[in-house]
Structure formats: structure tokens, C-alpha cells
C-alpha atoms as a PDB file:
ATOM      1  CA  MET A   1      78.093  98.041 111.838  1.00  0.00           C
ATOM      2  CA  GLY A   2      78.294  98.440 107.603  1.00  0.00           C
ATOM      3  CA  CYS A   3      81.250  97.970 105.591  1.00  0.00           C
ATOM      4  CA  TRP A   4      83.945 100.089 107.497  1.00  0.00           C
ATOM      5  CA  SER A   5      83.597  97.584 110.339  1.00  0.00           C
ATOM      6  CA  ALA A   6      83.474  94.665 107.680  1.00  0.00           C
ATOM      7  CA  LEU A   7      86.835  95.760 106.427  1.00  0.00           C
ATOM      8  CA  ALA A   8      88.129  95.903 110.010  1.00  0.00           C
ATOM      9  CA  GLY A   9      89.454  92.505 110.008  1.00  0.00           C
ATOM     10  CA  THR A  10      90.563  91.576 106.309  1.00  0.00           C
ATOM     11  CA  LYS A  11      94.547  92.110 107.466  1.00  0.00           C
ATOM     12  CA  GLY A  12      94.023  89.788 110.180  1.00  0.00           C
ATOM     13  CA  ALA A  13      92.638  86.854 108.434  1.00  0.00           C
ATOM     14  CA  LEU A  14      95.882  87.025 105.581  1.00  0.00           C
ATOM     15  CA  LEU A  15      98.150  86.549 108.289  1.00  0.00           C
ATOM     16  CA  GLY A  16      99.095  83.433 109.856  1.00  0.00           C
ATOM     17  CA  LYS A  17     100.552  82.398 112.613  1.00  0.00           C
ATOM     18  CA  GLY A  18     103.907  83.853 113.542  1.00  0.00           C
ATOM     19  CA  MET A  19     103.643  85.872 110.953  1.00  0.00           C
ATOM     20  CA  GLY A  20     104.731  89.830 110.945  1.00  0.00           C
ATOM     21  CA  TYR A  21     102.858  92.326 109.744  1.00  0.00           C
ATOM     22  CA  ASP A  22     105.420  93.281 107.260  1.00  0.00           C
ATOM     23  CA  GLN A  23     105.171  90.388 105.595  1.00  0.00           C
ATOM     24  CA  LEU A  24     101.132  91.216 104.574  1.00  0.00           C
ATOM     25  CA  PRO A  25     101.000  92.596 100.900  1.00  0.00           C
ATOM     26  CA  GLU A  26      99.760  96.047  99.868  1.00  0.00           C
ATOM     27  CA  SER A  27      95.406  96.181 100.247  1.00  0.00           C
ATOM     28  CA  TYR A  28      93.613  98.775  98.267  1.00  0.00           C
ATOM     29  CA  VAL A  29      89.962  99.602  99.127  1.00  0.00           C
ATOM     30  CA  ILE A  30      87.648 101.570  96.419  1.00  0.00           C
ATOM     31  CA  PHE A  31      84.598 103.216  97.322  1.00  0.00           C
ATOM     32  CA  LEU A  32      82.310 104.346  94.541  1.00  0.00           C
ATOM     33  CA  CYS A  33      79.985 107.211  95.406  1.00  0.00           C
ATOM     34  CA  ASP A  34      77.565 109.311  93.323  1.00  0.00           C
ATOM     35  CA  TYR A  35      77.576 111.930  95.385  1.00  0.00           C
ATOM     36  CA  ASP A  36      80.761 114.135  97.182  1.00  0.00           C
ATOM     37  CA  PRO A  37      81.105 112.276 100.680  1.00  0.00           C
ATOM     38  CA  TYR A  38      83.524 115.042 101.736  1.00  0.00           C
ATOM     39  CA  GLY A  39      82.197 118.089 100.032  1.00  0.00           C
ATOM     40  CA  VAL A  40      86.095 118.954  98.276  1.00  0.00           C
ATOM     41  CA  SER A  41      84.591 118.459  94.481  1.00  0.00           C
ATOM     42  CA  THR A  42      87.352 116.345  93.401  1.00  0.00           C
ATOM     43  CA  PRO A  43      87.053 113.380  90.835  1.00  0.00           C
ATOM     44  CA  ALA A  44      89.268 111.122  93.801  1.00  0.00           C
ATOM     45  CA  CYS A  45      90.143 110.918  97.211  1.00  0.00           C
ATOM     46  CA  THR A  46      92.774 109.090  99.001  1.00  0.00           C
ATOM     47  CA  ILE A  47      92.626 108.208 102.605  1.00  0.00           C
ATOM     48  CA  GLU A  48      96.129 107.245 104.521  1.00  0.00           C
ATOM     49  CA  ARG A  49      96.224 106.611 108.182  1.00  0.00           C
ATOM     50  CA  CYS A  50      98.249 108.544 110.339  1.00  0.00           C
ATOM     51  CA  CYS A  51      98.714 108.701 114.172  1.00  0.00           C
ATOM     52  CA  ARG A  52      96.795 111.466 116.076  1.00  0.00           C
ATOM     53  CA  GLU A  53      99.015 112.100 118.393  1.00  0.00           C
ATOM     54  CA  ARG A  54     101.900 112.554 115.819  1.00  0.00           C
ATOM     55  CA  PRO A  55     100.805 113.483 112.546  1.00  0.00           C
ATOM     56  CA  SER A  56     104.131 113.600 110.701  1.00  0.00           C
ATOM     57  CA  GLN A  57     104.627 110.064 111.754  1.00  0.00           C
ATOM     58  CA  PRO A  58     103.936 107.693 108.485  1.00  0.00           C
ATOM     59  CA  VAL A  59     102.269 104.423 109.304  1.00  0.00           C
ATOM     60  CA  ARG A  60     103.030 102.465 106.262  1.00  0.00           C
ATOM     61  CA  ASP A  61     100.782  99.516 107.103  1.00  0.00           C
ATOM     62  CA  GLY A  62     100.443  98.840 103.352  1.00  0.00           C
ATOM     63  CA  SER A  63      96.251  99.688 103.147  1.00  0.00           C
ATOM     64  CA  HIS A  64      95.138 102.474 100.766  1.00  0.00           C
ATOM     65  CA  TRP A  65      91.940 103.724 100.449  1.00  0.00           C
ATOM     66  CA  LEU A  66      90.367 105.471  97.575  1.00  0.00           C
ATOM     67  CA  VAL A  67      86.932 107.395  97.236  1.00  0.00           C
ATOM     68  CA  LEU A  68      85.879 108.135  94.186  1.00  0.00           C
ATOM     69  CA  ASN A  69      83.379 110.540  93.483  1.00  0.00           C
ATOM     70  CA  ALA A  70      81.200 110.393  90.057  1.00  0.00           C
ATOM     71  CA  SER A  71      79.591 113.484  90.218  1.00  0.00           C
ATOM     72  CA  ALA A  72      82.727 115.014  89.783  1.00  0.00           C
ATOM     73  CA  TRP A  73      83.141 113.985  85.996  1.00  0.00           C
ATOM     74  CA  ARG A  74      79.221 115.060  85.659  1.00  0.00           C
ATOM     75  CA  GLY A  75      79.353 118.023  82.862  1.00  0.00           C
ATOM     76  CA  GLU A  76      83.213 118.081  81.849  1.00  0.00           C
ATOM     77  CA  GLY A  77      83.259 116.338  78.996  1.00  0.00           C
ATOM     78  CA  THR A  78      84.571 113.401  80.372  1.00  0.00           C
ATOM     79  CA  SER A  79      83.014 109.854  80.342  1.00  0.00           C
ATOM     80  CA  GLY A  80      85.845 108.460  82.517  1.00  0.00           C
ATOM     81  CA  CYS A  81      83.531 107.461  84.786  1.00  0.00           C
ATOM     82  CA  ALA A  82      80.202 108.051  83.354  1.00  0.00           C
ATOM     83  CA  ILE A  83      78.998 104.083  84.626  1.00  0.00           C
ATOM     84  CA  CYS A  84      79.246 105.418  87.819  1.00  0.00           C
ATOM     85  CA  TYR A  85      76.495 108.382  87.796  1.00  0.00           C
ATOM     86  CA  ALA A  86      74.620 107.168  84.767  1.00  0.00           C
ATOM     87  CA  THR A  87      70.685 106.829  85.106  1.00  0.00           C
ATOM     88  CA  SER A  88      68.119 105.006  83.316  1.00  0.00           C
END
């Protein structure tokens, strides 16, 4: 299972009986990683949902996922995410 499946039902829990999906607030899920999960060497990756059959069709479900890669800050002379990769 893991965190991905645990997050799947979050929006449904916020929806009252008779409410439409357009009434849901925007939601943000932020993953802090001490490695580069996608191999893109950037400090942040933004994940948005799309329709596989029509990739140009935006989903606009109000959910946003951000994956922060602490290893991308290493050696750049910035302390912006130093707490993410600090070791004792």
C-alpha cells in the first residue's frame, strides 16, 4: 500500500453529501526526498494529473503534488533545503 494509496481517499472525505467536486478546496501534497526520484537533477518536480487519452485536456481537479529533491541543493552554496539532507 504506502502513502500513495493512503492519499487516494483524501478528497472524498472532504466532500459532504450532495456536494459537487467543484466545491472542494485546492489541495497540496509535498514529498520531501533526500534523493532524485525522477532523475531530472532539479530541486523540485511538479506533478499534475492529465488524461492519458487526451494529454492536452487539463484535469483541473484542484490537487497539486510537489516532489522536493534535497540532493539537488547539495553543493550549490545555498542553505534553502539543507535541513532535508543534513546528517549527523
